[in-house]
Amino acid sequence: QISENVRILALNDDKNQNGHAGFTE
């Protein structure tokens, strides 16, 4: 939470289920 009405979604996308950049299910 950065301020009253702002949030940051900080994502690590190094590897998905295939070993490539992205996200698992």
PDB file of all heavy atoms in Angstrom:
ATOM      1  N   GLN A   1       0.856  -1.182   0.000  1.00  0.00           N
ATOM      2  CA  GLN A   1       0.000   0.000   0.000  1.00  0.00           C
ATOM      3  C   GLN A   1       0.894   1.234   0.000  1.00  0.00           C
ATOM      4  O   GLN A   1       1.685   1.444   0.930  1.00  0.00           O
ATOM      5  CB  GLN A   1      -0.904   0.009   1.236  1.00  0.00           C
ATOM      6  CG  GLN A   1      -1.996   1.059   1.205  1.00  0.00           C
ATOM      7  CD  GLN A   1      -3.260   0.573   0.486  1.00  0.00           C
ATOM      8  OE1 GLN A   1      -3.539  -0.617   0.455  1.00  0.00           O
ATOM      9  NE2 GLN A   1      -4.022   1.501  -0.067  1.00  0.00           N
ATOM     10  N   ILE A   2       0.799   2.048  -1.037  1.00  0.00           N
ATOM     11  CA  ILE A   2       1.641   3.239  -1.148  1.00  0.00           C
ATOM     12  C   ILE A   2       0.985   4.445  -0.481  1.00  0.00           C
ATOM     13  O   ILE A   2       1.631   5.232   0.201  1.00  0.00           O
ATOM     14  CB  ILE A   2       1.931   3.558  -2.629  1.00  0.00           C
ATOM     15  CG1 ILE A   2       2.681   2.398  -3.287  1.00  0.00           C
ATOM     16  CG2 ILE A   2       2.726   4.853  -2.755  1.00  0.00           C
ATOM     17  CD1 ILE A   2       4.064   2.143  -2.738  1.00  0.00           C
ATOM     18  N   SER A   3      -0.310   4.577  -0.713  1.00  0.00           N
ATOM     19  CA  SER A   3      -1.076   5.658  -0.099  1.00  0.00           C
ATOM     20  C   SER A   3      -2.486   5.133   0.148  1.00  0.00           C
ATOM     21  O   SER A   3      -2.769   3.953  -0.061  1.00  0.00           O
ATOM     22  CB  SER A   3      -1.110   6.891  -1.020  1.00  0.00           C
ATOM     23  OG  SER A   3      -1.726   6.575  -2.255  1.00  0.00           O
ATOM     24  N   GLU A   4      -3.377   6.012   0.574  1.00  0.00           N
ATOM     25  CA  GLU A   4      -4.723   5.582   0.948  1.00  0.00           C
ATOM     26  C   GLU A   4      -5.440   4.839  -0.174  1.00  0.00           C
ATOM     27  O   GLU A   4      -6.175   3.881   0.073  1.00  0.00           O
ATOM     28  CB  GLU A   4      -5.551   6.803   1.378  1.00  0.00           C
ATOM     29  CG  GLU A   4      -6.943   6.445   1.878  1.00  0.00           C
ATOM     30  CD  GLU A   4      -7.719   7.676   2.327  1.00  0.00           C
ATOM     31  OE1 GLU A   4      -7.132   8.776   2.380  1.00  0.00           O
ATOM     32  OE2 GLU A   4      -8.930   7.532   2.619  1.00  0.00           O
ATOM     33  N   ASN A   5      -5.208   5.252  -1.416  1.00  0.00           N
ATOM     34  CA  ASN A   5      -5.955   4.642  -2.519  1.00  0.00           C
ATOM     35  C   ASN A   5      -5.064   4.091  -3.643  1.00  0.00           C
ATOM     36  O   ASN A   5      -5.528   3.885  -4.758  1.00  0.00           O
ATOM     37  CB  ASN A   5      -6.961   5.636  -3.104  1.00  0.00           C
ATOM     38  CG  ASN A   5      -6.279   6.852  -3.711  1.00  0.00           C
ATOM     39  OD1 ASN A   5      -5.105   7.090  -3.484  1.00  0.00           O
ATOM     40  ND2 ASN A   5      -7.034   7.626  -4.487  1.00  0.00           N
ATOM     41  N   VAL A   6      -3.772   3.861  -3.347  1.00  0.00           N
ATOM     42  CA  VAL A   6      -2.856   3.347  -4.362  1.00  0.00           C
ATOM     43  C   VAL A   6      -2.063   2.158  -3.832  1.00  0.00           C
ATOM     44  O   VAL A   6      -1.458   2.238  -2.759  1.00  0.00           O
ATOM     45  CB  VAL A   6      -1.872   4.432  -4.843  1.00  0.00           C
ATOM     46  CG1 VAL A   6      -0.882   3.851  -5.862  1.00  0.00           C
ATOM     47  CG2 VAL A   6      -2.622   5.612  -5.453  1.00  0.00           C
ATOM     48  N   ARG A   7      -2.088   1.077  -4.602  1.00  0.00           N
ATOM     49  CA  ARG A   7      -1.297  -0.104  -4.274  1.00  0.00           C
ATOM     50  C   ARG A   7      -0.383  -0.457  -5.437  1.00  0.00           C
ATOM     51  O   ARG A   7      -0.695  -0.157  -6.594  1.00  0.00           O
ATOM     52  CB  ARG A   7      -2.207  -1.312  -3.976  1.00  0.00           C
ATOM     53  CG  ARG A   7      -2.955  -1.194  -2.670  1.00  0.00           C
ATOM     54  CD  ARG A   7      -3.858  -2.383  -2.418  1.00  0.00           C
ATOM     55  NE  ARG A   7      -4.696  -2.141  -1.242  1.00  0.00           N
ATOM     56  CZ  ARG A   7      -5.682  -2.928  -0.839  1.00  0.00           C
ATOM     57  NH1 ARG A   7      -5.977  -4.032  -1.537  1.00  0.00           N
ATOM     58  NH2 ARG A   7      -6.379  -2.633   0.241  1.00  0.00           N
ATOM     59  N   ILE A   8       0.728  -1.103  -5.114  1.00  0.00           N
ATOM     60  CA  ILE A   8       1.647  -1.596  -6.124  1.00  0.00           C
ATOM     61  C   ILE A   8       1.612  -3.122  -6.124  1.00  0.00           C
ATOM     62  O   ILE A   8       1.727  -3.755  -5.074  1.00  0.00           O
ATOM     63  CB  ILE A   8       3.092  -1.113  -5.867  1.00  0.00           C
ATOM     64  CG1 ILE A   8       3.170   0.401  -5.984  1.00  0.00           C
ATOM     65  CG2 ILE A   8       4.068  -1.785  -6.837  1.00  0.00           C
ATOM     66  CD1 ILE A   8       2.900   0.939  -7.378  1.00  0.00           C
ATOM     67  N   LEU A   9       1.436  -3.674  -7.309  1.00  0.00           N
ATOM     68  CA  LEU A   9       1.482  -5.120  -7.507  1.00  0.00           C
ATOM     69  C   LEU A   9       2.851  -5.431  -8.107  1.00  0.00           C
ATOM     70  O   LEU A   9       3.067  -5.262  -9.304  1.00  0.00           O
ATOM     71  CB  LEU A   9       0.354  -5.556  -8.446  1.00  0.00           C
ATOM     72  CG  LEU A   9       0.268  -7.029  -8.831  1.00  0.00           C
ATOM     73  CD1 LEU A   9      -0.010  -7.899  -7.603  1.00  0.00           C
ATOM     74  CD2 LEU A   9      -0.805  -7.246  -9.899  1.00  0.00           C
ATOM     75  N   ALA A  10       3.784  -5.833  -7.255  1.00  0.00           N
ATOM     76  CA  ALA A  10       5.166  -6.082  -7.681  1.00  0.00           C
ATOM     77  C   ALA A  10       5.315  -7.566  -8.018  1.00  0.00           C
ATOM     78  O   ALA A  10       5.219  -8.422  -7.137  1.00  0.00           O
ATOM     79  CB  ALA A  10       6.140  -5.683  -6.575  1.00  0.00           C
ATOM     80  N   LEU A  11       5.537  -7.855  -9.293  1.00  0.00           N
ATOM     81  CA  LEU A  11       5.494  -9.235  -9.776  1.00  0.00           C
ATOM     82  C   LEU A  11       6.866  -9.741 -10.200  1.00  0.00           C
ATOM     83  O   LEU A  11       7.596  -9.056 -10.918  1.00  0.00           O
ATOM     84  CB  LEU A  11       4.540  -9.350 -10.965  1.00  0.00           C
ATOM     85  CG  LEU A  11       3.092  -8.930 -10.707  1.00  0.00           C
ATOM     86  CD1 LEU A  11       2.284  -9.003 -11.995  1.00  0.00           C
ATOM     87  CD2 LEU A  11       2.468  -9.816  -9.633  1.00  0.00           C
ATOM     88  N   ASN A  12       7.190 -10.939  -9.756  1.00  0.00           N
ATOM     89  CA  ASN A  12       8.380 -11.611 -10.268  1.00  0.00           C
ATOM     90  C   ASN A  12       7.935 -12.587 -11.342  1.00  0.00           C
ATOM     91  O   ASN A  12       7.199 -13.538 -11.075  1.00  0.00           O
ATOM     92  CB  ASN A  12       9.119 -12.345  -9.151  1.00  0.00           C
ATOM     93  CG  ASN A  12      10.464 -12.865  -9.628  1.00  0.00           C
ATOM     94  OD1 ASN A  12      10.527 -13.727 -10.503  1.00  0.00           O
ATOM     95  ND2 ASN A  12      11.537 -12.342  -9.072  1.00  0.00           N
ATOM     96  N   ASP A  13       8.386 -12.348 -12.584  1.00  0.00           N
ATOM     97  CA  ASP A  13       7.918 -13.149 -13.720  1.00  0.00           C
ATOM     98  C   ASP A  13       9.035 -13.993 -14.337  1.00  0.00           C
ATOM     99  O   ASP A  13       8.996 -14.317 -15.523  1.00  0.00           O
ATOM    100  CB  ASP A  13       7.307 -12.224 -14.794  1.00  0.00           C
ATOM    101  CG  ASP A  13       8.328 -11.252 -15.374  1.00  0.00           C
ATOM    102  OD1 ASP A  13       9.517 -11.351 -15.045  1.00  0.00           O
ATOM    103  OD2 ASP A  13       7.925 -10.380 -16.160  1.00  0.00           O
ATOM    104  N   ASP A  14      10.036 -14.337 -13.538  1.00  0.00           N
ATOM    105  CA  ASP A  14      11.210 -15.036 -14.082  1.00  0.00           C
ATOM    106  C   ASP A  14      10.868 -16.346 -14.791  1.00  0.00           C
ATOM    107  O   ASP A  14      11.429 -16.653 -15.835  1.00  0.00           O
ATOM    108  CB  ASP A  14      12.221 -15.329 -12.980  1.00  0.00           C
ATOM    109  CG  ASP A  14      12.973 -14.078 -12.537  1.00  0.00           C
ATOM    110  OD1 ASP A  14      12.783 -13.032 -13.175  1.00  0.00           O
ATOM    111  OD2 ASP A  14      13.722 -14.153 -11.555  1.00  0.00           O
ATOM    112  N   LYS A  15       9.960 -17.126 -14.182  1.00  0.00           N
ATOM    113  CA  LYS A  15       9.676 -18.431 -14.787  1.00  0.00           C
ATOM    114  C   LYS A  15       8.215 -18.828 -14.600  1.00  0.00           C
ATOM    115  O   LYS A  15       7.665 -18.736 -13.507  1.00  0.00           O
ATOM    116  CB  LYS A  15      10.563 -19.527 -14.177  1.00  0.00           C
ATOM    117  CG  LYS A  15      11.992 -19.510 -14.681  1.00  0.00           C
ATOM    118  CD  LYS A  15      12.718 -20.799 -14.314  1.00  0.00           C
ATOM    119  CE  LYS A  15      14.114 -20.842 -14.917  1.00  0.00           C
ATOM    120  NZ  LYS A  15      14.789 -22.136 -14.670  1.00  0.00           N
ATOM    121  N   ASN A  16       7.626 -19.310 -15.698  1.00  0.00           N
ATOM    122  CA  ASN A  16       6.311 -19.940 -15.604  1.00  0.00           C
ATOM    123  C   ASN A  16       6.496 -21.451 -15.550  1.00  0.00           C
ATOM    124  O   ASN A  16       7.604 -21.950 -15.321  1.00  0.00           O
ATOM    125  CB  ASN A  16       5.428 -19.513 -16.780  1.00  0.00           C
ATOM    126  CG  ASN A  16       6.020 -19.919 -18.133  1.00  0.00           C
ATOM    127  OD1 ASN A  16       6.962 -20.719 -18.213  1.00  0.00           O
ATOM    128  ND2 ASN A  16       5.489 -19.364 -19.202  1.00  0.00           N
ATOM    129  N   GLN A  17       5.455 -22.194 -15.796  1.00  0.00           N
ATOM    130  CA  GLN A  17       5.535 -23.650 -15.719  1.00  0.00           C
ATOM    131  C   GLN A  17       6.403 -24.256 -16.820  1.00  0.00           C
ATOM    132  O   GLN A  17       6.833 -25.410 -16.723  1.00  0.00           O
ATOM    133  CB  GLN A  17       4.128 -24.268 -15.770  1.00  0.00           C
ATOM    134  CG  GLN A  17       3.410 -24.085 -17.100  1.00  0.00           C
ATOM    135  CD  GLN A  17       2.774 -22.721 -17.276  1.00  0.00           C
ATOM    136  OE1 GLN A  17       2.831 -21.887 -16.362  1.00  0.00           O
ATOM    137  NE2 GLN A  17       2.171 -22.476 -18.425  1.00  0.00           N
ATOM    138  N   ASN A  18       6.695 -23.475 -17.854  1.00  0.00           N
ATOM    139  CA  ASN A  18       7.523 -23.960 -18.968  1.00  0.00           C
ATOM    140  C   ASN A  18       8.978 -23.519 -18.860  1.00  0.00           C
ATOM    141  O   ASN A  18       9.779 -23.796 -19.754  1.00  0.00           O
ATOM    142  CB  ASN A  18       6.953 -23.465 -20.299  1.00  0.00           C
ATOM    143  CG  ASN A  18       5.537 -23.941 -20.535  1.00  0.00           C
ATOM    144  OD1 ASN A  18       5.196 -25.075 -20.238  1.00  0.00           O
ATOM    145  ND2 ASN A  18       4.700 -23.056 -21.062  1.00  0.00           N
ATOM    146  N   GLY A  19       9.299 -22.799 -17.774  1.00  0.00           N
ATOM    147  CA  GLY A  19      10.659 -22.331 -17.604  1.00  0.00           C
ATOM    148  C   GLY A  19      10.952 -21.043 -18.337  1.00  0.00           C
ATOM    149  O   GLY A  19      12.102 -20.621 -18.448  1.00  0.00           O
ATOM    150  N   HIS A  20       9.903 -20.395 -18.864  1.00  0.00           N
ATOM    151  CA  HIS A  20      10.063 -19.120 -19.558  1.00  0.00           C
ATOM    152  C   HIS A  20       9.462 -17.993 -18.716  1.00  0.00           C
ATOM    153  O   HIS A  20       8.808 -18.241 -17.704  1.00  0.00           O
ATOM    154  CB  HIS A  20       9.379 -19.177 -20.924  1.00  0.00           C
ATOM    155  CG  HIS A  20       9.931 -20.229 -21.826  1.00  0.00           C
ATOM    156  ND1 HIS A  20       9.140 -21.062 -22.580  1.00  0.00           N
ATOM    157  CD2 HIS A  20      11.209 -20.600 -22.083  1.00  0.00           C
ATOM    158  CE1 HIS A  20       9.891 -21.891 -23.263  1.00  0.00           C
ATOM    159  NE2 HIS A  20      11.153 -21.638 -22.976  1.00  0.00           N
ATOM    160  N   ALA A  21       9.666 -16.754 -19.140  1.00  0.00           N
ATOM    161  CA  ALA A  21       9.121 -15.626 -18.399  1.00  0.00           C
ATOM    162  C   ALA A  21       7.598 -15.690 -18.373  1.00  0.00           C
ATOM    163  O   ALA A  21       6.954 -15.980 -19.387  1.00  0.00           O
ATOM    164  CB  ALA A  21       9.567 -14.312 -19.040  1.00  0.00           C
ATOM    165  N   GLY A  22       7.032 -15.446 -17.203  1.00  0.00           N
ATOM    166  CA  GLY A  22       5.577 -15.490 -17.051  1.00  0.00           C
ATOM    167  C   GLY A  22       5.183 -16.004 -15.685  1.00  0.00           C
ATOM    168  O   GLY A  22       5.952 -15.897 -14.719  1.00  0.00           O
ATOM    169  N   PHE A  23       4.000 -16.582 -15.609  1.00  0.00           N
ATOM    170  CA  PHE A  23       3.431 -16.993 -14.325  1.00  0.00           C
ATOM    171  C   PHE A  23       2.807 -18.380 -14.422  1.00  0.00           C
ATOM    172  O   PHE A  23       2.217 -18.727 -15.452  1.00  0.00           O
ATOM    173  CB  PHE A  23       2.355 -15.989 -13.877  1.00  0.00           C
ATOM    174  CG  PHE A  23       2.792 -14.563 -13.964  1.00  0.00           C
ATOM    175  CD1 PHE A  23       2.365 -13.759 -15.010  1.00  0.00           C
ATOM    176  CD2 PHE A  23       3.647 -14.023 -13.029  1.00  0.00           C
ATOM    177  CE1 PHE A  23       2.769 -12.441 -15.116  1.00  0.00           C
ATOM    178  CE2 PHE A  23       4.066 -12.696 -13.123  1.00  0.00           C
ATOM    179  CZ  PHE A  23       3.629 -11.906 -14.166  1.00  0.00           C
ATOM    180  N   THR A  24       2.919 -19.141 -13.349  1.00  0.00           N
ATOM    181  CA  THR A  24       2.203 -20.403 -13.267  1.00  0.00           C
ATOM    182  C   THR A  24       0.722 -20.110 -13.028  1.00  0.00           C
ATOM    183  O   THR A  24       0.349 -18.978 -12.699  1.00  0.00           O
ATOM    184  CB  THR A  24       2.730 -21.270 -12.114  1.00  0.00           C
ATOM    185  OG1 THR A  24       2.488 -20.571 -10.869  1.00  0.00           O
ATOM    186  CG2 THR A  24       4.235 -21.535 -12.258  1.00  0.00           C
ATOM    187  N   GLU A  25      -0.111 -21.102 -13.166  1.00  0.00           N
ATOM    188  CA  GLU A  25      -1.550 -20.915 -12.939  1.00  0.00           C
ATOM    189  C   GLU A  25      -1.822 -20.488 -11.502  1.00  0.00           C
ATOM    190  O   GLU A  25      -2.652 -19.606 -11.244  1.00  0.00           O
ATOM    191  CB  GLU A  25      -2.310 -22.194 -13.275  1.00  0.00           C
ATOM    192  CG  GLU A  25      -3.821 -22.115 -13.037  1.00  0.00           C
ATOM    193  CD  GLU A  25      -4.507 -21.018 -13.839  1.00  0.00           C
ATOM    194  OE1 GLU A  25      -4.000 -20.655 -14.923  1.00  0.00           O
ATOM    195  OE2 GLU A  25      -5.543 -20.504 -13.369  1.00  0.00           O
TER     196      GLU A  25
END
